[in-house]
Amino acid sequence: MTTTTCTTTRVRSLPVLLATEDDAEDMGLLAPDDRLTCHVHGRWIHQCVASPAHVSPVTRHRWCRGCRTELCVAVDELTQRVAMTCPRCGHGGSAATTRLTAACRASLAAERDARYAA
């Protein structure tokens, strides 16, 4: 099944976007990897991506298969940069981590837009 991200030009607050993404995910319109918010922590995904809850060796989210190690996360809200790397080999990338990194970047932008719109 192909899913798409809920993108809109309207700026939404965190509680509104959380509810919207929950509904879209439940209806199969939004892939969990494409969420800008975290349904577990109730925050923007870039704010909690470093939590152990976001590590999955099975799907390879924040996981280096070769080293069998959790990836380190660096989120710089000022420069809008997000990086996830293996502390052992320096790599550890996967398609799942790439999607998570992209979601974090989009989350940073959405939070910034919501803050300036308020």
C-alpha atoms as a PDB file:
ATOM      1  CA  MET A   1       0.000   0.000   0.000  1.00  0.00           C
ATOM      2  CA  THR A   2       1.267   3.425  -0.860  1.00  0.00           C
ATOM      3  CA  THR A   3       0.813   6.141   1.718  1.00  0.00           C
ATOM      4  CA  THR A   4       1.461   9.824   1.525  1.00  0.00           C
ATOM      5  CA  THR A   5       2.329  12.517   3.995  1.00  0.00           C
ATOM      6  CA  CYS A   6      -0.320  14.953   5.146  1.00  0.00           C
ATOM      7  CA  THR A   7       1.105  18.203   3.830  1.00  0.00           C
ATOM      8  CA  THR A   8      -0.724  21.459   3.845  1.00  0.00           C
ATOM      9  CA  THR A   9       0.128  25.115   3.767  1.00  0.00           C
ATOM     10  CA  ARG A  10      -1.989  25.741   6.876  1.00  0.00           C
ATOM     11  CA  VAL A  11       0.025  26.066  10.050  1.00  0.00           C
ATOM     12  CA  ARG A  12      -1.229  23.763  12.780  1.00  0.00           C
ATOM     13  CA  SER A  13      -0.517  23.684  16.479  1.00  0.00           C
ATOM     14  CA  LEU A  14       0.981  20.552  18.025  1.00  0.00           C
ATOM     15  CA  PRO A  15      -2.282  19.263  19.583  1.00  0.00           C
ATOM     16  CA  VAL A  16      -4.201  19.756  16.331  1.00  0.00           C
ATOM     17  CA  LEU A  17      -1.503  18.095  14.231  1.00  0.00           C
ATOM     18  CA  LEU A  18      -1.219  15.168  16.697  1.00  0.00           C
ATOM     19  CA  ALA A  19      -4.941  14.483  16.366  1.00  0.00           C
ATOM     20  CA  THR A  20      -4.896  14.955  12.594  1.00  0.00           C
ATOM     21  CA  GLU A  21      -1.965  12.571  12.147  1.00  0.00           C
ATOM     22  CA  ASP A  22      -3.539  10.000  14.488  1.00  0.00           C
ATOM     23  CA  ASP A  23      -6.704  10.028  12.370  1.00  0.00           C
ATOM     24  CA  ALA A  24      -4.795   9.916   9.072  1.00  0.00           C
ATOM     25  CA  GLU A  25      -2.663   7.014  10.274  1.00  0.00           C
ATOM     26  CA  ASP A  26      -5.735   5.108  11.516  1.00  0.00           C
ATOM     27  CA  MET A  27      -7.369   5.553   8.094  1.00  0.00           C
ATOM     28  CA  GLY A  28      -4.239   4.328   6.281  1.00  0.00           C
ATOM     29  CA  LEU A  29      -3.581   7.727   4.711  1.00  0.00           C
ATOM     30  CA  LEU A  30      -0.321   8.419   6.568  1.00  0.00           C
ATOM     31  CA  ALA A  31       2.612   6.069   7.115  1.00  0.00           C
ATOM     32  CA  PRO A  32       3.905   6.031  10.711  1.00  0.00           C
ATOM     33  CA  ASP A  33       7.375   6.955   9.382  1.00  0.00           C
ATOM     34  CA  ASP A  34       6.035  10.154   7.862  1.00  0.00           C
ATOM     35  CA  ARG A  35       4.523  11.598  11.040  1.00  0.00           C
ATOM     36  CA  LEU A  36       5.770  14.978  12.236  1.00  0.00           C
ATOM     37  CA  THR A  37       4.451  14.241  15.719  1.00  0.00           C
ATOM     38  CA  CYS A  38       4.948  11.341  18.119  1.00  0.00           C
ATOM     39  CA  HIS A  39       1.824   9.609  19.357  1.00  0.00           C
ATOM     40  CA  VAL A  40       3.805   7.947  22.161  1.00  0.00           C
ATOM     41  CA  HIS A  41       5.307  11.101  23.672  1.00  0.00           C
ATOM     42  CA  GLY A  42       2.781  13.693  22.451  1.00  0.00           C
ATOM     43  CA  ARG A  43       5.551  15.902  21.091  1.00  0.00           C
ATOM     44  CA  TRP A  44       7.107  16.954  17.813  1.00  0.00           C
ATOM     45  CA  ILE A  45       9.096  13.963  16.507  1.00  0.00           C
ATOM     46  CA  HIS A  46      12.396  15.889  16.512  1.00  0.00           C
ATOM     47  CA  GLN A  47      11.963  16.523  20.250  1.00  0.00           C
ATOM     48  CA  CYS A  48      11.785  12.859  21.244  1.00  0.00           C
ATOM     49  CA  VAL A  49      13.507  10.944  18.443  1.00  0.00           C
ATOM     50  CA  ALA A  50      16.480  10.245  20.749  1.00  0.00           C
ATOM     51  CA  SER A  51      14.219   8.213  23.065  1.00  0.00           C
ATOM     52  CA  PRO A  52      14.851   4.443  23.196  1.00  0.00           C
ATOM     53  CA  ALA A  53      11.206   4.045  22.114  1.00  0.00           C
ATOM     54  CA  HIS A  54      12.259   5.158  18.617  1.00  0.00           C
ATOM     55  CA  VAL A  55      14.913   2.457  18.171  1.00  0.00           C
ATOM     56  CA  SER A  56      13.942  -0.703  16.291  1.00  0.00           C
ATOM     57  CA  PRO A  57      16.447  -3.371  15.203  1.00  0.00           C
ATOM     58  CA  VAL A  58      13.639  -5.059  13.258  1.00  0.00           C
ATOM     59  CA  THR A  59      12.721  -2.087  11.051  1.00  0.00           C
ATOM     60  CA  ARG A  60      16.204  -0.509  11.357  1.00  0.00           C
ATOM     61  CA  HIS A  61      14.928   2.811  12.682  1.00  0.00           C
ATOM     62  CA  ARG A  62      17.922   4.357  14.455  1.00  0.00           C
ATOM     63  CA  TRP A  63      19.738   1.019  14.283  1.00  0.00           C
ATOM     64  CA  CYS A  64      23.063  -0.048  12.752  1.00  0.00           C
ATOM     65  CA  ARG A  65      22.596  -3.613  11.569  1.00  0.00           C
ATOM     66  CA  GLY A  66      26.320  -4.282  11.105  1.00  0.00           C
ATOM     67  CA  CYS A  67      27.328  -3.106  14.584  1.00  0.00           C
ATOM     68  CA  ARG A  68      24.074  -4.072  16.294  1.00  0.00           C
ATOM     69  CA  THR A  69      24.080  -0.661  17.906  1.00  0.00           C
ATOM     70  CA  GLU A  70      21.615   2.143  18.527  1.00  0.00           C
ATOM     71  CA  LEU A  71      22.347   5.217  16.429  1.00  0.00           C
ATOM     72  CA  CYS A  72      23.209   8.500  18.124  1.00  0.00           C
ATOM     73  CA  VAL A  73      20.954  11.454  17.346  1.00  0.00           C
ATOM     74  CA  ALA A  74      21.891  15.095  16.958  1.00  0.00           C
ATOM     75  CA  VAL A  75      19.128  17.651  16.439  1.00  0.00           C
ATOM     76  CA  ASP A  76      20.125  21.292  16.118  1.00  0.00           C
ATOM     77  CA  GLU A  77      16.999  23.429  16.291  1.00  0.00           C
ATOM     78  CA  LEU A  78      18.910  26.583  15.400  1.00  0.00           C
ATOM     79  CA  THR A  79      20.371  25.329  12.109  1.00  0.00           C
ATOM     80  CA  GLN A  80      17.511  22.853  11.474  1.00  0.00           C
ATOM     81  CA  ARG A  81      20.037  20.001  11.116  1.00  0.00           C
ATOM     82  CA  VAL A  82      19.332  16.388  12.028  1.00  0.00           C
ATOM     83  CA  ALA A  83      21.903  13.582  11.995  1.00  0.00           C
ATOM     84  CA  MET A  84      21.806   9.942  13.062  1.00  0.00           C
ATOM     85  CA  THR A  85      25.060   7.995  13.108  1.00  0.00           C
ATOM     86  CA  CYS A  86      26.475   4.807  14.570  1.00  0.00           C
ATOM     87  CA  PRO A  87      28.864   5.473  17.467  1.00  0.00           C
ATOM     88  CA  ARG A  88      30.971   2.464  16.400  1.00  0.00           C
ATOM     89  CA  CYS A  89      31.343   2.638  12.617  1.00  0.00           C
ATOM     90  CA  GLY A  90      30.138   6.183  11.947  1.00  0.00           C
ATOM     91  CA  HIS A  91      27.531   5.012   9.430  1.00  0.00           C
ATOM     92  CA  GLY A  92      24.471   2.891  10.218  1.00  0.00           C
ATOM     93  CA  GLY A  93      22.114   4.451   7.721  1.00  0.00           C
ATOM     94  CA  SER A  94      19.029   2.677   6.431  1.00  0.00           C
ATOM     95  CA  ALA A  95      15.935   3.588   4.461  1.00  0.00           C
ATOM     96  CA  ALA A  96      13.954   3.701   7.718  1.00  0.00           C
ATOM     97  CA  THR A  97      16.428   6.042   9.383  1.00  0.00           C
ATOM     98  CA  THR A  98      16.489   8.239   6.274  1.00  0.00           C
ATOM     99  CA  ARG A  99      12.699   8.587   6.470  1.00  0.00           C
ATOM    100  CA  LEU A 100      12.886   9.307  10.202  1.00  0.00           C
ATOM    101  CA  THR A 101      15.536  11.970   9.606  1.00  0.00           C
ATOM    102  CA  ALA A 102      13.349  13.577   6.924  1.00  0.00           C
ATOM    103  CA  ALA A 103      10.364  13.527   9.295  1.00  0.00           C
ATOM    104  CA  CYS A 104      12.477  15.238  11.968  1.00  0.00           C
ATOM    105  CA  ARG A 105      13.504  17.975   9.538  1.00  0.00           C
ATOM    106  CA  ALA A 106       9.883  18.506   8.541  1.00  0.00           C
ATOM    107  CA  SER A 107       8.909  18.503  12.222  1.00  0.00           C
ATOM    108  CA  LEU A 108      11.469  21.212  12.958  1.00  0.00           C
ATOM    109  CA  ALA A 109      10.035  23.349  10.160  1.00  0.00           C
ATOM    110  CA  ALA A 110       6.436  22.736  11.247  1.00  0.00           C
ATOM    111  CA  GLU A 111       7.215  23.673  14.852  1.00  0.00           C
ATOM    112  CA  ARG A 112       8.978  26.835  13.701  1.00  0.00           C
ATOM    113  CA  ASP A 113       6.043  27.782  11.479  1.00  0.00           C
ATOM    114  CA  ALA A 114       3.522  27.117  14.277  1.00  0.00           C
ATOM    115  CA  ARG A 115       5.577  29.187  16.718  1.00  0.00           C
ATOM    116  CA  TYR A 116       5.801  32.182  14.348  1.00  0.00           C
ATOM    117  CA  ALA A 117       2.121  31.941  13.426  1.00  0.00           C
ATOM    118  CA  ALA A 118       1.059  32.198  17.057  1.00  0.00           C
END
